[in-house]
Each structure stands twice: as C-alpha cells, then as structure tokens.
Protein backbone atom coordinates (compact mmCIF):
# COMPACT_ATOMS: atom_id res chain seq x y z
CA UNK A 1 -0.07 -0.07 0.21
CA UNK A 2 2.59 2.56 0.43
CA UNK A 3 3.72 1.64 -2.69
CA UNK A 4 0.74 2.84 -4.33
CA UNK A 5 0.78 6.23 -2.55
CA UNK A 6 4.25 6.67 -4.19
CA UNK A 7 2.65 5.69 -7.51
CA UNK A 8 -0.14 8.06 -6.85
CA UNK A 9 2.29 11.11 -5.86
CA UNK A 10 4.16 10.30 -9.20
CA UNK A 11 1.28 10.00 -11.25
CA UNK A 12 0.52 14.16 -10.29
CA UNK A 13 3.75 15.08 -11.16
CA UNK A 14 5.63 15.07 -7.97
CA UNK A 15 9.31 13.14 -6.90
CA UNK A 16 8.36 10.39 -5.07
CA UNK A 17 10.21 7.63 -3.30
CA UNK A 18 9.24 4.79 -0.88
CA UNK A 19 12.79 3.64 1.87
CA UNK A 20 11.97 0.38 3.52
CA UNK A 21 14.45 -1.12 5.99
CA UNK A 22 13.37 -4.86 5.36
CA UNK A 23 12.73 -6.69 1.51
CA UNK A 24 8.63 -7.82 1.66
CA UNK A 25 8.61 -11.82 1.55
CA UNK A 26 6.00 -12.10 -1.00
CA UNK A 27 7.32 -10.02 -3.97
CA UNK A 28 5.77 -6.74 -3.66
CA UNK A 29 7.46 -3.95 -5.94
CA UNK A 30 10.60 -2.36 -4.14
CA UNK A 31 12.07 1.16 -4.33
CA UNK A 32 14.65 1.87 -2.33
CA UNK A 33 15.16 -1.32 -0.03
CA UNK A 34 17.88 -1.47 2.64
CA UNK A 35 17.38 -5.01 2.87
CA UNK A 36 18.35 -5.60 6.53
CA UNK A 37 17.65 -8.64 8.03
CA UNK A 38 14.36 -9.23 9.94
CA UNK A 39 14.88 -11.60 13.05
CA UNK A 40 13.65 -15.20 12.32
CA UNK A 41 12.78 -18.18 13.78
CA UNK A 42 9.88 -19.29 16.52
CA UNK A 43 11.30 -16.95 19.10
CA UNK A 44 10.92 -14.07 17.18
CA UNK A 45 7.67 -14.71 15.32
CA UNK A 46 6.00 -15.54 18.90
CA UNK A 47 7.08 -12.17 20.14
CA UNK A 48 5.58 -10.30 17.11
CA UNK A 49 2.35 -12.71 17.47
CA UNK A 50 2.10 -11.64 21.27
CA UNK A 51 1.90 -8.06 19.80
CA UNK A 52 -1.56 -8.60 18.01
CA UNK A 53 -2.99 -10.84 20.48
CA UNK A 54 -4.02 -7.25 22.01
CA UNK A 55 -5.26 -5.95 18.70
CA UNK A 56 -9.00 -6.10 19.98
CA UNK A 57 -8.44 -3.03 22.74
CA UNK A 58 -10.41 -0.08 22.32
CA UNK A 59 -8.02 2.18 24.12
CA UNK A 60 -5.05 3.91 22.18
CA UNK A 61 -1.33 2.54 23.43
CA UNK A 62 1.61 4.31 23.61
CA UNK A 63 4.18 2.22 22.35
CA UNK A 64 7.35 1.72 24.81
CA UNK A 65 9.53 -1.51 25.88
CA UNK A 66 8.01 -4.00 27.77
CA UNK A 67 10.79 -4.45 29.81
CA UNK A 68 14.83 -3.97 29.94
CA UNK A 69 15.21 -6.63 27.55
CA UNK A 70 13.46 -5.01 25.00
CA UNK A 71 14.96 -1.66 25.64
CA UNK A 72 18.55 -3.34 25.35
CA UNK A 73 17.35 -5.05 22.31
CA UNK A 74 16.19 -1.78 20.62
CA UNK A 75 19.41 0.41 21.41
CA UNK A 76 21.46 -2.60 19.94
CA UNK A 77 19.33 -2.67 16.51
CA UNK A 78 19.56 0.99 16.38
CA UNK A 79 23.68 0.66 16.82
CA UNK A 80 23.91 -1.77 14.70
CA UNK A 81 21.80 -0.36 11.88
CA UNK A 82 23.07 3.36 11.75
CA UNK A 83 25.95 2.87 9.61
CA UNK A 84 24.06 1.29 6.68
CA UNK A 85 21.20 3.82 7.33
CA UNK A 86 23.18 6.75 7.23
CA UNK A 87 24.86 5.99 4.17
CA UNK A 88 21.36 5.21 2.52
CA UNK A 89 20.31 8.76 3.64
CA UNK A 90 23.45 10.40 2.49
CA UNK A 91 23.21 8.31 -0.96
CA UNK A 92 19.75 8.87 -1.92
CA UNK A 93 19.40 12.88 -0.65
CA UNK A 94 16.93 11.60 1.98
CA UNK A 95 16.92 15.07 3.47
CA UNK A 96 15.94 17.09 0.45
CA UNK A 97 12.50 16.30 0.35
CA UNK A 98 9.64 18.39 1.46
CA UNK A 99 6.71 15.95 3.08
CA UNK A 100 7.63 12.88 4.63
CA UNK A 101 5.38 10.05 5.11
CA UNK A 102 5.96 7.30 7.90
CA UNK A 103 4.36 4.05 7.74
CA UNK A 104 2.64 3.39 11.17
CA UNK A 105 4.22 6.24 12.85
CA UNK A 106 7.47 4.20 12.94
CA UNK A 107 11.08 5.86 12.19
CA UNK A 108 14.27 4.42 10.63
CA UNK A 109 15.63 4.36 14.03
CA UNK A 110 13.43 3.23 17.22
CA UNK A 111 14.60 6.62 18.89
CA UNK A 112 13.13 8.55 16.09
CA UNK A 113 16.23 10.22 15.55
CA UNK A 114 15.78 10.82 11.53
CA UNK A 115 12.19 12.39 12.34
CA UNK A 116 13.92 14.32 15.23
CA UNK A 117 16.37 15.64 12.72
CA UNK A 118 13.68 16.40 9.77
CA UNK A 119 11.73 18.78 12.46
CA UNK A 120 14.86 20.52 13.27
CA UNK A 121 15.42 21.19 9.29
CA UNK A 122 11.61 22.66 9.20
CA UNK A 123 10.30 19.15 7.24
CA UNK A 124 6.78 18.28 7.04
CA UNK A 125 5.79 14.75 8.98
CA UNK A 126 2.94 12.62 7.87
CA UNK A 127 2.01 9.51 9.79
CA UNK A 128 -0.32 7.19 7.85
CA UNK A 129 -1.69 4.00 9.62
CA UNK A 130 -2.42 1.41 6.95
CA UNK A 131 -3.44 -1.40 8.97
CA UNK A 132 -3.26 -3.07 12.30
CA UNK A 133 -0.43 -1.23 13.83
CA UNK A 134 -2.64 1.32 15.54
CA UNK A 135 -4.21 -1.29 17.32
CA UNK A 136 -1.57 -3.82 18.14
CA UNK A 137 1.38 -1.64 18.54
CA UNK A 138 -0.15 1.86 19.17
CA UNK A 139 1.69 5.09 18.52
CA UNK A 140 5.07 6.56 19.46
CA UNK A 141 4.43 9.50 21.64
CA UNK A 142 6.89 11.76 20.41
CA UNK A 143 6.20 10.71 16.79
CA UNK A 144 2.72 12.20 17.62
CA UNK A 145 4.07 14.96 18.74
CA UNK A 146 6.20 15.71 15.91
CA UNK A 147 3.72 15.07 12.98
CA UNK A 148 1.96 17.39 10.90
CA UNK A 149 -0.75 15.39 9.98
CA UNK A 150 -2.24 12.04 10.85
CA UNK A 151 -3.74 9.47 8.17
CA UNK A 152 -5.50 6.30 8.41
CA UNK A 153 -7.06 4.12 5.94
CA UNK A 154 -8.73 2.41 8.69
CA UNK A 155 -12.11 3.39 9.70
CA UNK A 156 -11.84 2.25 13.36
CA UNK A 157 -8.80 3.90 14.15
CA UNK A 158 -10.80 7.43 13.67
CA UNK A 159 -11.94 5.93 17.23
CA UNK A 160 -9.20 5.24 18.65
CA UNK A 161 -6.75 8.09 17.98
CA UNK A 162 -8.49 11.64 19.09
CA UNK A 163 -6.43 13.41 15.78
CA UNK A 164 -6.49 11.77 12.87
CA UNK A 165 -8.32 11.99 9.30
CA UNK A 166 -9.30 9.26 7.02
CA UNK A 167 -8.70 8.66 3.00
CA UNK A 168 -9.38 5.61 0.88
CA UNK A 169 -6.36 4.41 0.06
CA UNK A 170 -4.90 4.57 -3.40
CA UNK A 171 -5.17 2.16 -5.98
CA UNK A 172 -4.17 1.92 -10.12
CA UNK A 173 -7.35 1.10 -10.84
CA UNK A 174 -6.30 0.78 -14.67
CA UNK A 175 -4.19 -2.50 -14.28
CA UNK A 176 -7.07 -5.02 -14.00
CA UNK A 177 -10.17 -5.48 -16.16
CA UNK A 178 -13.60 -7.61 -15.61
CA UNK A 179 -13.21 -10.90 -17.28
CA UNK A 180 -15.91 -13.12 -18.09
CA UNK A 181 -15.30 -16.74 -16.08
CA UNK A 182 -16.43 -19.74 -17.86
CA UNK A 183 -15.92 -22.14 -14.42
CA UNK A 184 -17.43 -25.36 -14.48
CA UNK A 185 -17.50 -25.33 -10.44
CA UNK A 186 -17.58 -21.80 -9.20
CA UNK A 187 -14.57 -20.64 -8.23
CA UNK A 188 -14.13 -19.07 -4.31
CA UNK A 189 -10.87 -17.49 -3.10
CA UNK A 190 -9.64 -16.50 0.33
CA UNK A 191 -6.18 -15.22 0.61
CA UNK A 192 -5.39 -14.27 4.57
CA UNK A 193 -2.31 -12.66 5.65
CA UNK A 194 -3.22 -13.45 9.34
CA UNK A 195 -5.75 -16.33 9.89
CA UNK A 196 -6.88 -14.73 12.97
CA UNK A 197 -7.95 -11.80 11.53
CA UNK A 198 -9.26 -12.79 8.99
CA UNK A 199 -11.68 -15.49 10.59
CA UNK A 200 -9.82 -18.12 8.23
CA UNK A 201 -10.92 -21.28 10.66
CA UNK A 202 -14.14 -20.06 11.08
CA UNK A 203 -14.89 -19.38 7.00
CA UNK A 204 -13.22 -23.17 6.68
CA UNK A 205 -16.08 -24.53 8.35
CA UNK A 206 -18.63 -22.74 6.47
CA UNK A 207 -17.17 -23.68 3.45
CA UNK A 208 -17.34 -27.12 4.37
CA UNK A 209 -21.17 -26.93 4.66
CA UNK A 210 -21.36 -25.06 1.23
CA UNK A 211 -19.26 -27.70 -0.31
CA UNK A 212 -21.87 -30.64 1.01
CA UNK A 213 -24.72 -28.89 -1.07
CA UNK A 214 -23.39 -26.70 -3.99
CA UNK A 215 -20.61 -27.49 -6.88
CA UNK A 216 -17.33 -25.26 -5.51
CA UNK A 217 -13.99 -25.20 -5.68
CA UNK A 218 -12.47 -23.13 -2.93
CA UNK A 219 -8.83 -21.87 -3.10
CA UNK A 220 -6.96 -21.01 0.22
CA UNK A 221 -3.69 -18.96 -0.46
CA UNK A 222 -1.26 -18.45 2.23
CA UNK A 223 2.21 -17.10 1.61
CA UNK A 224 1.87 -16.99 -1.70
CA UNK A 225 3.93 -14.18 -3.96
CA UNK A 226 1.99 -11.78 -4.97
CA UNK A 227 2.01 -12.44 -8.87
CA UNK A 228 0.81 -15.97 -8.51
CA UNK A 229 -2.34 -14.70 -6.36
CA UNK A 230 -3.24 -12.34 -9.06
CA UNK A 231 -2.96 -15.13 -11.53
CA UNK A 232 -5.03 -17.29 -9.49
CA UNK A 233 -7.68 -14.49 -8.80
CA UNK A 234 -8.28 -13.80 -12.06
CA UNK A 235 -10.03 -17.14 -12.71
CA UNK A 236 -12.05 -16.62 -9.61
CA UNK A 237 -16.05 -15.91 -9.46
CA UNK A 238 -16.11 -15.04 -5.74
CA UNK A 239 -13.91 -13.95 -3.13
CA UNK A 240 -14.07 -13.79 0.99
CA UNK A 241 -11.47 -11.25 2.61
CA UNK A 242 -12.40 -11.15 6.81
CA UNK A 243 -15.59 -12.61 8.66
CA UNK A 244 -15.78 -13.79 11.89
CA UNK A 245 -11.92 -12.89 12.75
CA UNK A 246 -11.14 -13.17 16.43
CA UNK A 247 -8.69 -9.85 16.82
CA UNK A 248 -11.53 -6.95 16.27
CA UNK A 249 -10.97 -6.53 12.31
CA UNK A 250 -13.44 -5.60 10.34
CA UNK A 251 -13.92 -4.17 6.61
CA UNK A 252 -11.66 -4.61 3.89
CA UNK A 253 -8.08 -3.77 2.40
CA UNK A 254 -6.14 -3.52 -0.89
CA UNK A 255 -6.72 -7.71 -1.29
CA UNK A 256 -10.62 -6.46 -1.45
CA UNK A 257 -10.00 -3.76 -3.95
CA UNK A 258 -8.03 -5.96 -6.00
CA UNK A 259 -10.75 -8.31 -6.08
CA UNK A 260 -13.54 -5.45 -7.35
CA UNK A 261 -11.27 -4.21 -9.63
CA UNK A 262 -11.59 -7.84 -11.35
CA UNK A 263 -15.02 -7.62 -10.88
CA UNK A 264 -15.10 -10.13 -8.29
CA UNK A 265 -17.74 -9.85 -5.39
CA UNK A 266 -16.40 -9.83 -2.25
CA UNK A 267 -17.38 -11.12 1.14
CA UNK A 268 -16.67 -9.26 4.35
CA UNK A 269 -17.81 -8.08 7.75
CA UNK A 270 -18.33 -4.71 8.49
CA UNK A 271 -19.55 -2.75 11.65
CA UNK A 272 -23.10 -0.98 11.71
CA UNK A 273 -21.58 2.59 11.65
CA UNK A 274 -18.55 1.30 9.06
CA UNK A 275 -21.60 0.19 6.56
CA UNK A 276 -22.77 3.53 7.31
CA UNK A 277 -19.89 5.44 6.68
CA UNK A 278 -19.05 3.70 3.09
CA UNK A 279 -21.22 5.28 0.61
CA UNK A 280 -23.13 2.78 -2.07
CA UNK A 281 -20.35 0.15 -1.13
CA UNK A 282 -20.68 -3.05 -2.99
CA UNK A 283 -19.30 -5.38 -0.74
CA UNK A 284 -21.33 -8.30 0.56
CA UNK A 285 -21.55 -7.38 4.18
CA UNK A 286 -21.51 -11.07 6.12
CA UNK A 287 -20.83 -11.89 9.28
CA UNK A 288 -19.93 -16.00 9.96
CA UNK A 289 -23.63 -16.32 10.71
CA UNK A 290 -24.46 -15.34 7.59
CA UNK A 291 -21.62 -16.25 5.08
CA UNK A 292 -23.19 -19.18 4.37
CA UNK A 293 -26.33 -17.88 2.97
CA UNK A 294 -24.86 -15.40 1.57
CA UNK A 295 -22.51 -17.55 -0.85
CA UNK A 296 -25.51 -19.46 -1.57
CA UNK A 297 -27.45 -16.98 -2.87
CA UNK A 298 -24.58 -15.25 -5.00
CA UNK A 299 -23.67 -18.97 -6.15
CA UNK A 300 -27.51 -19.56 -7.56
CA UNK A 301 -27.39 -16.22 -9.22
CA UNK A 302 -25.64 -15.73 -11.87
CA UNK A 303 -27.51 -12.39 -12.69
CA UNK A 304 -26.36 -10.97 -9.30
CA UNK A 305 -23.20 -11.82 -9.35
CA UNK A 306 -22.84 -9.61 -12.83
CA UNK A 307 -24.48 -6.65 -11.39
CA UNK A 308 -22.57 -6.61 -8.30
CA UNK A 309 -19.63 -7.51 -10.37
CA UNK A 310 -20.07 -4.08 -12.50
CA UNK A 311 -21.21 -1.98 -9.46
CA UNK A 312 -18.10 -3.38 -7.28
CA UNK A 313 -15.49 -1.86 -10.40
CA UNK A 314 -17.10 1.40 -10.38
CA UNK A 315 -17.20 2.10 -6.80
CA UNK A 316 -13.29 1.15 -6.48
CA UNK A 317 -12.71 3.92 -9.60
CA UNK A 318 -14.54 6.46 -7.71
CA UNK A 319 -13.24 6.57 -4.12
CA UNK A 320 -9.76 4.71 -4.76
CA UNK A 321 -8.61 5.52 -8.16
CA UNK A 322 -5.40 8.18 -7.73
CA UNK A 323 -6.92 10.76 -8.95
CA UNK A 324 -9.87 10.80 -6.27
CA UNK A 325 -7.47 10.15 -3.37
CA UNK A 326 -5.00 12.65 -4.68
CA UNK A 327 -7.52 15.01 -4.61
CA UNK A 328 -8.49 14.14 -0.78
CA UNK A 329 -4.73 14.45 0.22
CA UNK A 330 -4.07 17.68 -1.50
CA UNK A 331 -7.08 18.97 0.81
CA UNK A 332 -5.45 17.78 3.93
CA UNK A 333 -2.19 19.26 2.51
CA UNK A 334 -3.94 22.28 2.69
CA UNK A 335 -5.69 22.54 5.74
CA UNK A 336 -2.50 21.70 7.65
CA UNK A 337 -0.36 23.92 5.79
CA UNK A 338 1.78 21.18 4.02
CA UNK A 339 3.55 22.08 0.62
CA UNK A 340 2.36 20.04 -1.81
CA UNK A 341 4.63 21.13 -4.70
CA UNK A 342 7.55 19.39 -4.02
CA UNK A 343 8.93 15.99 -2.73
C-alpha cells in the first residue's frame, strides 16, 4: 500500500520515493530497500504474535519497551543498523524532500532520530496508518507530537486516535479489467495474511457446509507471491476477505480492492457504523452466521453476480483511484499547511 501512494504521487507529477529497511517476503514491488535482516525463528515469530493478541483493545496505546530486555534490544539494533541507514540517507539525499510519510508512524530508528532531524530542518511529517499497527502496537508519543498530519485508511482508527483523518487508500484502477469466467465449478478464493484477523478457521467451517450442497471449488492461498495470487484471482468468481475474525478486525483492504477491480464480488464483515460510513459500497456484508446464506445466494444467481461485479469496479474507481485519493490528500495538505509542490 505505501508503494501505491508513491505511484499516486508520481502520477501527479511529484518526485516520490519509498524507503524501506526490510525486503518484503511476498514479491511486492520495492523502491529503495536496504534489505536488512528481519529477525526470524520461532522466538521472533512468537514475540510478534504476542503483539497482535491485544489488537481488540479499544484504548490507544503508546509504544514503549515492555521490559529492560526489549529496551536493550532496540538500542543494540539502532546501533547495529545506524551505519547502513546513515549511508543510505546520504546516498539517496533523503533530507532533500519536503514531505515525509511515515508508515505506521515508525521512524528508521527506534529512538526517532531521523524524524527529530527532519523537524530541526523544518520538514513536514505525515504519519500514515495502513493496517493493524495502531490497534496492536499503538503510537510513538514523540512521533505523534512531531507529526503535522495523521492519516489512516482504517475506519476503526478514527475512534482510537483523537487527531487522525481518514483517506481511502490509492489504487491503480487501470491495471485490472473485468473478465468473463467459464468455470464448471464456481471458484471461491480466500487469501489471508493472518488467519486470526481474517477469521480463516471459521470461514473454512462454513465452506465445508457449502461444499456439501453446491458444486464449488474453494482456493485457500497463504504465503504466496503476489504475482501468483493475482493470476489465480483472475480465474475466480467470488472472494472472501475477512469474516468472523478473532482479533477485532473488520472491513476491507487492498486484497478486496483488487477483487473488485477484477469484477469479483467479495464477502467481508463490517460494523454497523462502518457500513453507514461507506457510501454505496458493493461488498456483500457477512457475519459468520450469514456467510453461508450469502454464498448460496451469489452461487445460485449469475445475474446478481454480474450486477455486483460491475458496481464493484465503478465504486473502486470513484473512491480509490489515484485521482480521487490525490484530490483528498491535497485538501488535507492545504488544511494543515503542508506543501504539495515539491517532493
């Protein structure tokens, strides 16, 4: 998603770059990437998973080391990475930009030294929250105080943070088209990044019930390169995003927008106020109790599938296109005295 923001800025004639520390594992496009080693192994995974377990909290948390060991770990990590990061800052002239978007409100260093230097240079800082980070990790107090604008693409973040503004995330709507499917069995796809967030185990139980009474092919994709996921998606008739998740998530993300751009009707769960917030949205709102009924309704009605398919693509273009999101971002920039004429 951050790379889509970069593509959107570039399409508007700005110079824009994406700087990342770690290479992504699913073959998404990279820009300037240091390729640092991300801690792996069972202990590292267990530590990260423990952060996600509290995502259902409804109170905004401030990010602080949980204990002495974590504090020492982050200090050592900053010291170890400082040489490579500072070299990259110089090589790519990273102090020469005008506006800086920090994904998840996270600095290149845990002690926020890069952001602090930017403020000393009178640069503008925008903190962008794209996923579950605001629920799980919380925010860095000092970064929040330095930020000139806080943006989120997650509706529930508006209730967590007292000073954050919503934007639909940008998406290149021209990269996909609606294609006619000729599947003997209707193909239903589910591609979770996190089973607990997406409700995968609960969804599988519903699919097993549907499979007994309808001729369907269910495709579960996990830990798969994006290019392969896209090719498989193109052949699917229906998609399930997140229904019955255990950790408080609801709504949709880039996965669903890809689906709608391809004309694939998509089941996902919303809160009541989120549904009201999303004008004319084309999603098939489903709880774990109604998912089976909704799947059967779409499975049995080709005309309904085609109608939702067309409306889905139109909705994506109206709210998620580069032009639509760029216009909203310019409004925010103007409101908070952030220059949009540079980099």
